[in-house]
Protein backbone atom coordinates (compact mmCIF):
# COMPACT_ATOMS: atom_id res chain seq x y z
CA MET A 1 6.22 -11.04 -15.99
CA LYS A 2 4.37 -8.24 -14.19
CA LEU A 3 1.56 -10.58 -13.17
CA VAL A 4 4.01 -13.21 -11.96
CA ARG A 5 5.83 -10.59 -9.90
CA ASN A 6 2.56 -9.49 -8.33
CA ILE A 7 1.55 -13.07 -7.52
CA VAL A 8 4.88 -13.59 -5.72
CA ILE A 9 4.31 -10.39 -3.75
CA ALA A 10 0.74 -11.45 -2.94
CA GLY A 11 1.98 -14.77 -1.60
CA MET A 12 4.53 -13.04 0.60
CA LEU A 13 1.96 -10.61 1.97
CA ALA A 14 -0.36 -13.45 2.89
CA LEU A 15 2.10 -14.32 5.66
CA THR A 16 1.56 -10.98 7.41
CA SER A 17 -1.26 -9.76 9.60
CA SER A 18 -3.17 -6.50 9.41
CA ASN A 19 -3.13 -6.30 13.23
CA LEU A 20 -0.18 -4.13 14.15
CA SER A 21 1.58 -3.81 17.48
CA GLY A 22 0.89 -0.28 18.68
CA PHE A 23 -1.26 0.41 15.63
CA ASP A 24 -4.92 1.23 16.24
CA GLY A 25 -6.62 0.25 13.04
CA GLU A 26 -10.06 0.74 14.51
CA GLN A 27 -11.45 4.20 14.01
CA LYS A 28 -14.71 6.01 14.43
CA SER A 29 -16.31 8.38 11.99
CA ASP A 30 -16.10 12.03 12.91
CA ARG A 31 -19.04 12.78 10.64
CA THR A 32 -21.93 11.23 8.81
CA GLN A 33 -22.32 12.22 5.19
CA GLU A 34 -25.23 11.50 2.96
CA VAL A 35 -24.23 10.27 -0.47
CA LYS A 36 -26.58 11.06 -3.29
CA LYS A 37 -27.01 7.77 -5.10
CA THR A 38 -27.00 7.97 -8.85
CA GLU A 39 -27.43 5.38 -11.54
CA ARG A 40 -23.75 5.63 -12.28
CA LEU A 41 -22.76 5.11 -8.63
CA GLU A 42 -25.05 2.10 -8.42
CA GLU A 43 -23.26 0.63 -11.45
CA LEU A 44 -19.89 1.03 -9.70
CA VAL A 45 -21.28 -0.64 -6.57
CA LYS A 46 -22.68 -3.53 -8.60
CA LYS A 47 -19.35 -4.02 -10.33
CA TYR A 48 -17.61 -3.93 -6.95
CA GLU A 49 -19.91 -6.65 -5.63
CA GLY A 50 -18.93 -8.84 -8.57
CA PHE A 51 -15.25 -8.14 -7.94
CA ILE A 52 -15.29 -8.81 -4.19
CA GLU A 53 -17.23 -12.02 -4.71
CA LYS A 54 -14.32 -13.38 -6.75
CA ALA A 55 -11.52 -11.93 -4.59
CA THR A 56 -11.52 -14.68 -1.97
CA ASP A 57 -7.75 -14.91 -1.40
CA ASP A 58 -4.56 -13.04 -2.33
CA ASN A 59 -4.02 -14.64 -5.72
CA LYS A 60 -7.67 -14.53 -6.76
CA ALA A 61 -7.91 -10.89 -5.69
CA LEU A 62 -4.90 -10.00 -7.82
CA TYR A 63 -6.21 -11.90 -10.84
CA SER A 64 -9.58 -10.18 -10.42
CA TYR A 65 -7.78 -6.83 -10.29
CA TYR A 66 -6.13 -7.44 -13.65
CA GLU A 67 -9.35 -8.77 -15.16
CA LEU A 68 -11.28 -5.69 -14.04
CA LYS A 69 -11.94 -3.31 -16.94
CA PHE A 70 -13.63 0.07 -17.23
CA ASP A 71 -14.16 1.16 -20.84
CA ASN A 72 -13.79 4.74 -22.05
CA SER A 73 -17.53 5.33 -21.91
CA ASP A 74 -17.43 4.94 -18.11
CA ASN A 75 -15.69 8.32 -17.66
CA ILE A 76 -15.09 7.76 -13.96
CA ASN A 77 -14.50 11.01 -12.07
CA SER A 78 -12.91 11.69 -8.70
CA LYS A 79 -16.20 12.68 -7.04
CA GLU A 80 -17.69 9.29 -7.90
CA VAL A 81 -14.65 7.52 -6.46
CA GLU A 82 -14.92 9.50 -3.22
CA ASP A 83 -18.68 8.84 -2.98
CA PHE A 84 -18.04 5.14 -3.55
CA SER A 85 -15.60 5.06 -0.63
CA LEU A 86 -18.31 6.52 1.62
CA LEU A 87 -20.68 3.65 0.74
CA LEU A 88 -18.32 0.88 1.88
CA GLY A 89 -19.56 0.64 5.47
CA LYS A 90 -22.14 -2.02 4.61
CA TYR A 91 -19.44 -4.30 3.16
CA GLN A 92 -16.76 -4.04 5.85
CA LYS A 93 -17.88 -7.18 7.68
CA LEU A 94 -17.01 -9.32 4.65
CA GLU A 95 -14.04 -11.60 5.37
CA ASN A 96 -12.31 -10.44 2.19
CA PHE A 97 -13.13 -6.72 2.56
CA GLU A 98 -9.40 -5.97 2.78
CA TYR A 99 -9.08 -6.51 -1.00
CA THR A 100 -11.35 -3.52 -1.67
CA GLY A 101 -8.23 -1.43 -2.24
CA TYR A 102 -7.57 -3.25 -5.50
CA TYR A 103 -10.97 -2.16 -6.80
CA ILE A 104 -10.48 1.46 -5.69
CA SER A 105 -6.98 1.48 -7.25
CA LYS A 106 -8.41 0.28 -10.55
CA LEU A 107 -11.11 2.98 -10.43
CA ILE A 108 -8.45 5.64 -9.87
CA GLY A 109 -6.16 4.27 -12.57
CA SER A 110 -9.02 4.18 -15.08
CA SER A 111 -10.00 7.82 -14.52
CA GLU A 112 -8.67 10.83 -16.40
CA ASP A 113 -8.85 12.95 -13.25
CA LYS A 114 -5.63 13.73 -11.39
CA GLU A 115 -6.58 14.17 -7.73
CA PHE A 116 -8.61 11.76 -5.59
CA THR A 117 -9.88 11.57 -2.01
CA ILE A 118 -10.65 8.27 -0.27
CA ASN A 119 -12.51 8.39 3.05
CA THR A 120 -11.95 5.61 5.59
CA LYS A 121 -12.77 7.32 8.90
CA HIS A 122 -16.24 5.79 8.89
CA LEU A 123 -14.78 2.27 8.64
CA LYS A 124 -13.65 -0.04 11.46
CA SER A 125 -12.11 -2.54 9.01
CA LEU A 126 -8.91 -1.62 7.20
CA ILE A 127 -8.57 -1.54 3.42
CA ASN A 128 -5.35 -3.01 1.99
CA HIS A 129 -3.73 -2.28 -1.40
CA LEU A 130 -4.79 1.38 -1.72
CA GLY A 131 -2.76 3.14 -4.42
CA HIS A 132 -1.70 -0.16 -6.00
CA GLU A 133 0.37 0.59 -9.14
CA ASN A 134 -0.37 4.31 -8.83
CA ASN A 135 0.88 5.86 -12.04
CA GLY A 136 0.88 9.58 -11.38
CA LYS A 137 -2.31 10.31 -9.45
CA ILE A 138 -2.45 12.40 -6.28
CA ILE A 139 -4.37 10.34 -3.71
CA THR A 140 -5.42 11.56 -0.27
CA ILE A 141 -6.67 9.00 2.25
CA ASN A 142 -8.63 10.57 5.10
CA GLY A 143 -8.41 8.00 7.86
CA ASN A 144 -6.38 4.84 8.41
CA ALA A 145 -5.16 2.53 5.66
CA GLY A 146 -4.27 -1.15 5.82
CA ASN A 147 -1.30 -3.01 4.40
CA ASN A 148 0.55 -2.47 1.10
CA VAL A 149 -0.22 1.19 0.45
CA GLY A 150 1.48 2.27 -2.79
CA CYS A 151 2.63 -1.23 -3.72
CA ILE A 152 4.48 -1.16 -7.09
CA MET A 153 3.72 2.57 -7.30
CA LYS A 154 5.29 4.10 -10.40
CA LYS A 155 4.84 7.84 -9.75
CA GLY A 156 2.45 10.30 -8.14
CA THR A 157 1.69 11.10 -4.49
CA ILE A 158 -0.19 9.31 -1.72
CA ASN A 159 -1.06 11.26 1.44
CA ILE A 160 -2.46 9.35 4.42
CA ASN A 161 -4.14 11.45 7.11
CA GLY A 162 -3.98 8.61 9.60
CA ASN A 163 -1.99 5.44 10.25
CA ALA A 164 -1.00 2.74 7.77
CA GLY A 165 -0.19 -0.95 8.05
CA HIS A 166 2.68 -3.17 6.94
CA HIS A 167 4.63 -2.92 3.67
CA VAL A 168 4.02 0.76 2.90
CA GLY A 169 5.75 1.45 -0.44
CA LEU A 170 6.40 -2.23 -1.19
CA SER A 171 8.41 -2.45 -4.43
CA MET A 172 7.54 1.16 -5.30
CA GLU A 173 9.37 2.39 -8.38
CA ASP A 174 9.00 6.14 -7.81
CA GLY A 175 6.70 8.77 -6.35
CA LEU A 176 6.01 10.14 -2.87
CA ILE A 177 4.18 8.61 0.10
CA ILE A 178 3.47 10.70 3.22
CA VAL A 179 1.89 9.19 6.33
CA LYS A 180 0.68 11.55 9.05
CA GLY A 181 0.61 8.85 11.73
CA ASN A 182 2.37 5.54 12.39
CA VAL A 183 3.14 2.59 10.12
CA GLY A 184 3.74 -1.12 10.65
CA ASN A 185 6.66 -3.36 9.71
CA TRP A 186 8.69 -3.60 6.49
CA LEU A 187 8.43 0.06 5.52
CA GLY A 188 9.85 0.54 2.00
CA ASN A 189 10.33 -3.20 1.52
CA ASP A 190 12.16 -3.79 -1.80
CA MET A 191 11.56 -0.18 -2.93
CA GLU A 192 13.43 0.70 -6.10
CA ASN A 193 13.13 4.49 -5.88
CA GLY A 194 10.91 7.26 -4.62
CA LYS A 195 10.44 8.96 -1.27
CA ILE A 196 8.57 7.93 1.89
CA ILE A 197 7.99 10.25 4.85
CA ILE A 198 6.48 8.97 8.11
CA ASN A 199 5.54 11.66 10.62
CA GLY A 200 5.00 9.13 13.40
CA ASN A 201 6.70 5.85 14.32
CA ALA A 202 7.58 2.80 12.23
CA GLY A 203 7.75 -0.90 13.12
CA ASN A 204 10.53 -3.40 12.48
CA GLN A 205 12.74 -3.78 9.40
CA VAL A 206 12.55 -0.30 7.94
CA GLY A 207 14.12 -0.43 4.45
CA PHE A 208 14.06 -4.23 4.22
CA TYR A 209 15.82 -5.17 0.94
CA MET A 210 15.65 -1.49 -0.09
CA LYS A 211 17.32 -0.91 -3.46
CA ASN A 212 17.17 2.89 -3.71
CA GLY A 213 15.15 5.94 -2.75
CA THR A 214 14.78 7.73 0.58
CA ILE A 215 12.88 6.92 3.77
CA THR A 216 12.41 9.40 6.62
CA VAL A 217 10.84 8.38 9.94
CA LYS A 218 10.32 11.41 12.15
CA GLY A 219 9.51 9.30 15.20
CA ASN A 220 10.98 6.03 16.46
CA ALA A 221 11.65 2.78 14.58
CA GLY A 222 11.74 -0.85 15.68
CA SER A 223 14.55 -3.36 15.28
CA TRP A 224 16.54 -4.40 12.18
CA VAL A 225 16.62 -0.97 10.54
CA GLY A 226 18.28 -1.31 7.10
CA ASP A 227 17.88 -5.10 7.09
CA TYR A 228 19.49 -6.40 3.86
CA MET A 229 19.51 -2.82 2.50
CA LYS A 230 21.32 -2.52 -0.82
CA ASN A 231 21.22 1.21 -1.55
CA GLY A 232 19.31 4.40 -0.81
CA LYS A 233 19.06 6.53 2.32
CA ILE A 234 17.19 6.05 5.61
CA THR A 235 16.84 8.70 8.30
CA ILE A 236 15.40 7.92 11.75
CA ASN A 237 14.89 11.09 13.79
CA GLY A 238 13.98 9.21 16.96
CA ASN A 239 15.25 6.01 18.53
CA ALA A 240 15.64 2.51 17.07
CA GLY A 241 15.74 -1.01 18.46
CA LEU A 242 18.06 -4.00 18.17
CA TYR A 243 20.37 -5.19 15.36
CA PHE A 244 20.71 -1.84 13.64
CA GLY A 245 22.07 -2.39 10.09
CA HIS A 246 21.47 -6.16 10.09
CA ASN A 247 22.93 -7.69 6.88
CA MET A 248 23.17 -4.21 5.32
CA VAL A 249 25.27 -4.26 2.13
CA GLY A 250 25.00 -0.65 0.92
CA GLY A 251 23.33 2.72 1.31
CA ILE A 252 23.31 5.32 4.07
CA VAL A 253 21.45 5.25 7.39
CA ASN A 254 21.22 8.22 9.74
CA ILE A 255 19.87 7.88 13.28
CA ASN A 256 19.46 11.05 15.30
CA GLY A 257 18.24 9.33 18.47
CA ASP A 258 19.65 6.28 20.20
CA TYR A 259 19.69 2.58 19.26
CA GLU A 260 19.77 -0.55 21.40
CA SER A 261 22.45 -2.44 19.45
CA LEU A 262 24.31 -2.62 16.17
CA ALA A 263 24.17 -5.84 14.18
CA GLY A 264 27.30 -7.91 14.06
CA ASN A 265 26.99 -8.79 10.39
CA ILE A 266 26.98 -5.42 8.61
CA LYS A 267 28.57 -6.04 5.21
CA GLY A 268 28.54 -2.60 3.59
CA GLY A 269 27.17 0.93 3.61
CA ASN A 270 27.58 3.82 6.03
CA ILE A 271 25.76 4.44 9.31
CA TYR A 272 25.73 7.80 11.08
CA HIS A 273 24.72 8.24 14.73
CA LYS A 274 23.89 11.81 15.72
CA GLY A 275 26.03 13.04 12.84
CA LYS A 276 29.05 10.81 13.58
CA LEU A 277 30.10 8.11 11.12
CA ILE A 278 30.08 4.89 13.17
CA VAL A 279 30.06 2.35 10.32
CA GLU A 280 32.05 3.01 7.15
CA ASN A 281 31.74 0.64 4.21
CA GLY A 282 30.43 -2.02 6.57
CA ARG A 283 33.25 -1.64 9.10
CA GLN A 284 32.50 -0.36 12.58
CA ARG A 285 34.57 2.61 13.70
CA TRP A 286 35.27 1.65 17.29
CA ASN A 287 36.59 5.04 18.35
CA GLN A 288 33.22 6.57 17.48
CA LEU A 289 31.23 3.71 19.04
CA GLU A 290 33.00 4.24 22.35
CA ASN A 291 31.63 7.79 22.41
CA LYS A 292 28.05 6.65 21.92
């Protein structure tokens, strides 16, 4: 069932683009670091080349992820994972480079170490799927990340010292994701629990089909905040766009800035605007709206 669920998610993500409105995925390295190549590191690179050769589309990449095995004798450590990330520049022109995050996620999940650093500042191409199925590791990404960070994350922490793409925290079950910069659309899509903090701005449909957990956007958000939200809590410290609360059926949304319009089809849940309850159990409180 887990594989089927992932294939469905992969098919849905194939409809999105890694090019974000207002999101600068291109970055330049602020340093050049020499990586001491070892026999072990060369083995990891060789295995990666075999993986990326098979990962030619969303479904094949996901199947290759589940087929990928590292036995106990590999003893992968966090330093080797970080060094591997620094060697990826030569591969970033590959059309399917975006699937590299699956390989890095498998490396991290196969290691006994707890804390990991992934460097992306030297890359112009974004890596999707970083932190896929994270099960308790503390992952720091220095630079920008692509789509689907922390997808189906079970526990642990992911810190992004940069921007991130669409679907951050997609279907995450628990854990913490912190993004220093901006994120794309569908933040917290279908999340079941956990906590997401965005220090910058977010795109459209924050909390899309959100089932539980908390999302905090310290900047502005796009339109359709709380779209089809079932439960949980969303806080927008800045402004939001059109159709606020669209098809919302439960949960709590706080907006501390202004919004362009409320949706006309809010079915449930509570919405607070600058501390005032303006939608209660799906019903708009007109006396509060007039004081907007």
